[in-house]
């Protein structure tokens, strides 16, 4: 069974709009020995440019 990805509400820096997008990739960014944050890679639907944004801590890592 394939897990369906959830949408995340992010602000598109290329257009300045609030959008609900599904990240293409998610990873944890953490300094050594400390709790980190989860970062997602998103693609702007209008401009096609990629950008990164924070995703919720309970989002699954891909």
N, C-alpha and C. Protein backbone atom coordinates (compact mmCIF):
# COMPACT_ATOMS: atom_id res chain seq x y z
N UNK A 1 0.83 -1.18 0.00
CA UNK A 1 0.00 0.00 0.00
C UNK A 1 0.88 1.25 0.00
N UNK A 2 0.60 2.18 -0.87
CA UNK A 2 1.38 3.41 -0.98
C UNK A 2 0.75 4.48 -0.11
N UNK A 3 1.58 5.10 0.73
CA UNK A 3 1.08 6.16 1.60
C UNK A 3 0.88 7.43 0.78
N UNK A 4 -0.26 8.06 0.94
CA UNK A 4 -0.55 9.28 0.21
C UNK A 4 0.02 10.47 0.97
N UNK A 5 0.74 11.32 0.26
CA UNK A 5 1.37 12.48 0.89
C UNK A 5 0.34 13.55 1.19
N UNK A 6 0.56 14.24 2.30
CA UNK A 6 -0.33 15.32 2.69
C UNK A 6 0.15 16.63 2.09
N UNK A 7 -0.79 17.54 1.89
CA UNK A 7 -0.42 18.87 1.43
C UNK A 7 0.04 19.69 2.63
N UNK A 8 0.90 20.66 2.35
CA UNK A 8 1.43 21.56 3.38
C UNK A 8 1.15 22.98 2.92
N UNK A 9 0.69 23.81 3.83
CA UNK A 9 0.43 25.21 3.50
C UNK A 9 1.76 25.98 3.60
N UNK A 10 2.22 26.50 2.45
CA UNK A 10 3.49 27.22 2.39
C UNK A 10 3.29 28.51 1.59
N UNK A 11 4.22 29.43 1.80
CA UNK A 11 4.21 30.68 1.03
C UNK A 11 5.21 30.54 -0.11
N UNK A 12 4.74 30.71 -1.33
CA UNK A 12 5.58 30.63 -2.52
C UNK A 12 6.39 31.93 -2.61
N UNK A 13 7.73 31.87 -2.46
CA UNK A 13 8.53 33.10 -2.51
C UNK A 13 8.60 33.73 -3.89
N UNK A 14 8.34 32.97 -4.95
CA UNK A 14 8.41 33.54 -6.30
C UNK A 14 7.19 34.37 -6.64
N UNK A 15 6.02 33.99 -6.10
CA UNK A 15 4.80 34.75 -6.38
C UNK A 15 4.24 35.46 -5.16
N UNK A 16 4.65 35.04 -3.95
CA UNK A 16 4.17 35.65 -2.72
C UNK A 16 2.81 35.15 -2.27
N UNK A 17 2.31 34.09 -2.89
CA UNK A 17 0.99 33.55 -2.55
C UNK A 17 1.10 32.40 -1.56
N UNK A 18 0.04 32.24 -0.73
CA UNK A 18 -0.07 31.09 0.17
C UNK A 18 -0.69 29.95 -0.64
N UNK A 19 0.00 28.81 -0.70
CA UNK A 19 -0.47 27.67 -1.47
C UNK A 19 -0.44 26.41 -0.61
N UNK A 20 -1.25 25.43 -0.99
CA UNK A 20 -1.18 24.11 -0.38
C UNK A 20 -0.56 23.17 -1.40
N UNK A 21 0.67 22.75 -1.13
CA UNK A 21 1.42 21.92 -2.06
C UNK A 21 1.91 20.65 -1.38
N UNK A 22 2.20 19.64 -2.17
CA UNK A 22 2.82 18.41 -1.67
C UNK A 22 4.32 18.51 -1.96
N UNK A 23 5.17 18.34 -0.93
CA UNK A 23 6.61 18.43 -1.19
C UNK A 23 7.10 17.26 -2.03
N UNK A 24 8.08 17.53 -2.88
CA UNK A 24 8.67 16.48 -3.71
C UNK A 24 9.65 15.64 -2.90
N UNK A 25 10.29 16.26 -1.91
CA UNK A 25 11.25 15.56 -1.07
C UNK A 25 11.21 16.22 0.31
N UNK A 26 11.41 15.43 1.37
CA UNK A 26 11.44 15.94 2.74
C UNK A 26 12.65 15.34 3.43
N UNK A 27 13.39 16.17 4.18
CA UNK A 27 14.53 15.69 4.94
C UNK A 27 14.64 16.48 6.22
N UNK A 28 15.43 15.94 7.16
CA UNK A 28 15.66 16.60 8.44
C UNK A 28 16.97 17.35 8.37
N UNK A 29 16.95 18.58 8.82
CA UNK A 29 18.13 19.43 8.85
C UNK A 29 18.42 19.71 10.32
N UNK A 30 19.51 19.13 10.82
CA UNK A 30 19.80 19.25 12.25
C UNK A 30 21.29 19.43 12.50
N UNK A 31 21.63 20.33 13.41
CA UNK A 31 23.02 20.40 13.84
C UNK A 31 23.36 19.17 14.68
N UNK A 32 24.61 18.85 14.77
CA UNK A 32 25.03 17.65 15.48
C UNK A 32 24.62 17.68 16.94
N UNK A 33 23.92 16.64 17.36
CA UNK A 33 23.53 16.51 18.76
C UNK A 33 22.31 17.30 19.18
N UNK A 34 21.60 17.91 18.24
CA UNK A 34 20.42 18.72 18.59
C UNK A 34 19.24 18.32 17.72
N UNK A 35 18.05 18.69 18.21
CA UNK A 35 16.84 18.43 17.44
C UNK A 35 16.80 19.40 16.26
N UNK A 36 16.43 18.88 15.11
CA UNK A 36 16.41 19.71 13.91
C UNK A 36 15.01 20.05 13.45
N UNK A 37 14.92 20.55 12.25
CA UNK A 37 13.64 20.88 11.63
C UNK A 37 13.52 20.07 10.34
N UNK A 38 12.29 19.87 9.89
CA UNK A 38 12.07 19.17 8.63
C UNK A 38 11.87 20.19 7.53
N UNK A 39 12.59 19.97 6.44
CA UNK A 39 12.57 20.86 5.29
C UNK A 39 11.98 20.10 4.10
N UNK A 40 11.15 20.78 3.33
CA UNK A 40 10.56 20.18 2.15
C UNK A 40 10.97 20.94 0.90
N UNK A 41 11.09 20.21 -0.20
CA UNK A 41 11.40 20.81 -1.50
C UNK A 41 10.10 20.89 -2.28
N UNK A 42 9.73 22.11 -2.67
CA UNK A 42 8.48 22.35 -3.37
C UNK A 42 8.77 22.95 -4.74
N UNK A 43 7.81 22.78 -5.66
CA UNK A 43 7.92 23.38 -6.98
C UNK A 43 6.73 24.31 -7.17
N UNK A 44 7.02 25.56 -7.54
CA UNK A 44 5.97 26.55 -7.75
C UNK A 44 5.15 26.16 -8.97
N UNK A 45 3.82 26.06 -8.83
CA UNK A 45 3.00 25.67 -9.99
C UNK A 45 2.93 26.75 -11.07
N UNK A 46 3.14 28.01 -10.71
CA UNK A 46 3.05 29.09 -11.69
C UNK A 46 4.35 29.34 -12.43
N UNK A 47 5.48 29.37 -11.68
CA UNK A 47 6.76 29.70 -12.31
C UNK A 47 7.61 28.49 -12.62
N UNK A 48 7.35 27.35 -11.96
CA UNK A 48 8.15 26.15 -12.18
C UNK A 48 9.45 26.13 -11.41
N UNK A 49 9.72 27.16 -10.60
CA UNK A 49 10.96 27.21 -9.83
C UNK A 49 10.80 26.42 -8.54
N UNK A 50 11.91 25.85 -8.09
CA UNK A 50 11.92 25.07 -6.85
C UNK A 50 12.27 25.98 -5.69
N UNK A 51 11.68 25.69 -4.51
CA UNK A 51 12.03 26.39 -3.29
C UNK A 51 11.89 25.45 -2.11
N UNK A 52 12.53 25.81 -0.99
CA UNK A 52 12.48 25.00 0.22
C UNK A 52 11.66 25.73 1.27
N UNK A 53 10.98 24.97 2.11
CA UNK A 53 10.19 25.53 3.20
C UNK A 53 10.10 24.51 4.32
N UNK A 54 9.87 25.00 5.52
CA UNK A 54 9.71 24.14 6.69
C UNK A 54 8.38 23.40 6.60
N UNK A 55 8.40 22.12 6.96
CA UNK A 55 7.19 21.32 7.03
C UNK A 55 6.96 20.93 8.49
N UNK A 56 5.75 20.53 8.87
CA UNK A 56 5.49 20.15 10.27
C UNK A 56 6.37 18.98 10.73
N UNK A 57 6.65 18.95 12.03
CA UNK A 57 7.52 17.91 12.58
C UNK A 57 6.95 16.51 12.44
N UNK A 58 5.62 16.37 12.34
CA UNK A 58 5.03 15.04 12.22
C UNK A 58 4.91 14.58 10.77
N UNK A 59 5.42 15.33 9.82
CA UNK A 59 5.38 14.95 8.40
C UNK A 59 6.39 13.83 8.16
N UNK A 60 6.03 12.78 7.39
CA UNK A 60 6.97 11.67 7.15
C UNK A 60 8.13 12.09 6.23
N UNK A 61 9.31 11.57 6.53
CA UNK A 61 10.51 11.85 5.72
C UNK A 61 10.50 10.91 4.52
N UNK A 62 10.82 11.48 3.34
CA UNK A 62 10.85 10.63 2.14
C UNK A 62 12.26 10.24 1.78
